[in-house]
């Protein structure tokens, strides 16, 4: 058994007319955090890692600039900062 599998969650399941077996539950992805303020991003989905490959990109992360990278407050501050920099030029 691999060391990483030792601490994995395990569940006992009993199929009909068979002995009970131990199933390992795969770990979920951790909460997505903002790159600036490190607050958790509420719109990010916490799927299993292998499920994200099956899904469309639009259903995995939010469909806006810097989606799942910045929270809404930091994105708003960044947008204001960039537009003010453009206006001064």
C-alpha atoms as a PDB file:
ATOM      1  CA  UNK A   1       0.000   0.000   0.000  1.00  0.00           C
ATOM      2  CA  UNK A   2       1.313   3.430  -0.919  1.00  0.00           C
ATOM      3  CA  UNK A   3       1.863   5.876   1.936  1.00  0.00           C
ATOM      4  CA  UNK A   4      -0.574   8.321   0.329  1.00  0.00           C
ATOM      5  CA  UNK A   5      -3.310   5.658   0.339  1.00  0.00           C
ATOM      6  CA  UNK A   6      -2.928   4.878   4.037  1.00  0.00           C
ATOM      7  CA  UNK A   7      -4.642   8.079   5.100  1.00  0.00           C
ATOM      8  CA  UNK A   8      -7.294   8.049   2.380  1.00  0.00           C
ATOM      9  CA  UNK A   9     -10.920   7.809   3.493  1.00  0.00           C
ATOM     10  CA  UNK A  10     -12.265   4.277   3.424  1.00  0.00           C
ATOM     11  CA  UNK A  11     -15.838   3.007   3.341  1.00  0.00           C
ATOM     12  CA  UNK A  12     -17.132  -0.534   3.645  1.00  0.00           C
ATOM     13  CA  UNK A  13     -19.716  -1.542   1.022  1.00  0.00           C
ATOM     14  CA  UNK A  14     -21.569  -4.836   0.804  1.00  0.00           C
ATOM     15  CA  UNK A  15     -22.844  -5.832  -2.632  1.00  0.00           C
ATOM     16  CA  UNK A  16     -25.763  -8.259  -2.683  1.00  0.00           C
ATOM     17  CA  UNK A  17     -24.776 -11.925  -2.069  1.00  0.00           C
ATOM     18  CA  UNK A  18     -21.102 -11.053  -1.655  1.00  0.00           C
ATOM     19  CA  UNK A  19     -18.702 -10.253   1.140  1.00  0.00           C
ATOM     20  CA  UNK A  20     -18.245  -6.646   2.139  1.00  0.00           C
ATOM     21  CA  UNK A  21     -15.377  -4.786   0.477  1.00  0.00           C
ATOM     22  CA  UNK A  22     -13.396  -1.720   1.392  1.00  0.00           C
ATOM     23  CA  UNK A  23     -13.644   1.181  -1.062  1.00  0.00           C
ATOM     24  CA  UNK A  24     -11.286   4.147  -0.993  1.00  0.00           C
ATOM     25  CA  UNK A  25     -12.861   7.559  -1.478  1.00  0.00           C
ATOM     26  CA  UNK A  26     -10.731   9.951  -3.572  1.00  0.00           C
ATOM     27  CA  UNK A  27      -9.794  13.265  -1.975  1.00  0.00           C
ATOM     28  CA  UNK A  28     -11.478  16.495  -2.995  1.00  0.00           C
ATOM     29  CA  UNK A  29      -9.639  19.584  -4.191  1.00  0.00           C
ATOM     30  CA  UNK A  30      -8.967  22.220  -1.537  1.00  0.00           C
ATOM     31  CA  UNK A  31     -10.809  25.529  -1.460  1.00  0.00           C
ATOM     32  CA  UNK A  32      -9.735  28.012  -4.132  1.00  0.00           C
ATOM     33  CA  UNK A  33      -8.141  31.142  -2.636  1.00  0.00           C
ATOM     34  CA  UNK A  34      -7.688  34.647  -3.990  1.00  0.00           C
ATOM     35  CA  UNK A  35      -4.138  35.351  -5.140  1.00  0.00           C
ATOM     36  CA  UNK A  36      -4.087  38.799  -3.515  1.00  0.00           C
ATOM     37  CA  UNK A  37      -6.027  38.658  -0.224  1.00  0.00           C
ATOM     38  CA  UNK A  38      -6.052  34.844   0.292  1.00  0.00           C
ATOM     39  CA  UNK A  39      -9.792  34.767   1.036  1.00  0.00           C
ATOM     40  CA  UNK A  40     -11.670  31.663  -0.201  1.00  0.00           C
ATOM     41  CA  UNK A  41     -13.449  32.146  -3.516  1.00  0.00           C
ATOM     42  CA  UNK A  42     -17.132  31.266  -3.099  1.00  0.00           C
ATOM     43  CA  UNK A  43     -17.926  30.660  -6.759  1.00  0.00           C
ATOM     44  CA  UNK A  44     -15.239  27.979  -7.197  1.00  0.00           C
ATOM     45  CA  UNK A  45     -16.494  24.406  -7.284  1.00  0.00           C
ATOM     46  CA  UNK A  46     -14.772  21.732  -5.211  1.00  0.00           C
ATOM     47  CA  UNK A  47     -15.022  18.684  -7.454  1.00  0.00           C
ATOM     48  CA  UNK A  48     -12.809  15.659  -7.520  1.00  0.00           C
ATOM     49  CA  UNK A  49      -9.629  16.299  -9.479  1.00  0.00           C
ATOM     50  CA  UNK A  50     -10.487  13.770 -12.190  1.00  0.00           C
ATOM     51  CA  UNK A  51     -14.003  15.230 -12.659  1.00  0.00           C
ATOM     52  CA  UNK A  52     -12.621  18.613 -13.695  1.00  0.00           C
ATOM     53  CA  UNK A  53     -11.074  17.061 -16.801  1.00  0.00           C
ATOM     54  CA  UNK A  54     -14.476  15.787 -17.935  1.00  0.00           C
ATOM     55  CA  UNK A  55     -16.305  19.078 -17.529  1.00  0.00           C
ATOM     56  CA  UNK A  56     -16.352  22.121 -19.772  1.00  0.00           C
ATOM     57  CA  UNK A  57     -14.100  24.971 -18.670  1.00  0.00           C
ATOM     58  CA  UNK A  58     -17.091  27.288 -18.214  1.00  0.00           C
ATOM     59  CA  UNK A  59     -18.632  24.955 -15.632  1.00  0.00           C
ATOM     60  CA  UNK A  60     -15.374  24.486 -13.687  1.00  0.00           C
ATOM     61  CA  UNK A  61     -14.515  28.157 -13.071  1.00  0.00           C
ATOM     62  CA  UNK A  62     -16.327  31.483 -13.170  1.00  0.00           C
ATOM     63  CA  UNK A  63     -16.684  33.081 -16.562  1.00  0.00           C
ATOM     64  CA  UNK A  64     -15.075  36.484 -15.991  1.00  0.00           C
ATOM     65  CA  UNK A  65     -11.572  37.957 -16.211  1.00  0.00           C
ATOM     66  CA  UNK A  66      -9.243  36.308 -13.677  1.00  0.00           C
ATOM     67  CA  UNK A  67     -11.921  33.691 -12.910  1.00  0.00           C
ATOM     68  CA  UNK A  68     -11.011  31.505  -9.882  1.00  0.00           C
ATOM     69  CA  UNK A  69      -7.813  33.528  -9.505  1.00  0.00           C
ATOM     70  CA  UNK A  70      -9.067  36.738  -7.890  1.00  0.00           C
ATOM     71  CA  UNK A  71     -12.091  37.338  -5.658  1.00  0.00           C
ATOM     72  CA  UNK A  72     -14.688  39.903  -6.722  1.00  0.00           C
ATOM     73  CA  UNK A  73     -13.433  42.670  -4.408  1.00  0.00           C
ATOM     74  CA  UNK A  74      -9.819  42.359  -5.556  1.00  0.00           C
ATOM     75  CA  UNK A  75     -10.950  42.176  -9.189  1.00  0.00           C
ATOM     76  CA  UNK A  76     -12.980  45.364  -8.737  1.00  0.00           C
ATOM     77  CA  UNK A  77      -9.989  47.162  -7.183  1.00  0.00           C
ATOM     78  CA  UNK A  78      -7.709  45.975 -10.004  1.00  0.00           C
ATOM     79  CA  UNK A  79     -10.167  47.111 -12.700  1.00  0.00           C
ATOM     80  CA  UNK A  80     -10.486  50.567 -11.128  1.00  0.00           C
ATOM     81  CA  UNK A  81      -6.710  50.854 -10.824  1.00  0.00           C
ATOM     82  CA  UNK A  82      -6.161  49.897 -14.481  1.00  0.00           C
ATOM     83  CA  UNK A  83      -8.826  52.263 -15.825  1.00  0.00           C
ATOM     84  CA  UNK A  84      -7.410  55.172 -13.808  1.00  0.00           C
ATOM     85  CA  UNK A  85      -3.952  54.398 -15.163  1.00  0.00           C
ATOM     86  CA  UNK A  86      -5.351  54.532 -18.711  1.00  0.00           C
ATOM     87  CA  UNK A  87      -7.146  57.839 -18.077  1.00  0.00           C
ATOM     88  CA  UNK A  88      -4.001  59.604 -16.835  1.00  0.00           C
ATOM     89  CA  UNK A  89      -2.068  58.771 -19.994  1.00  0.00           C
END
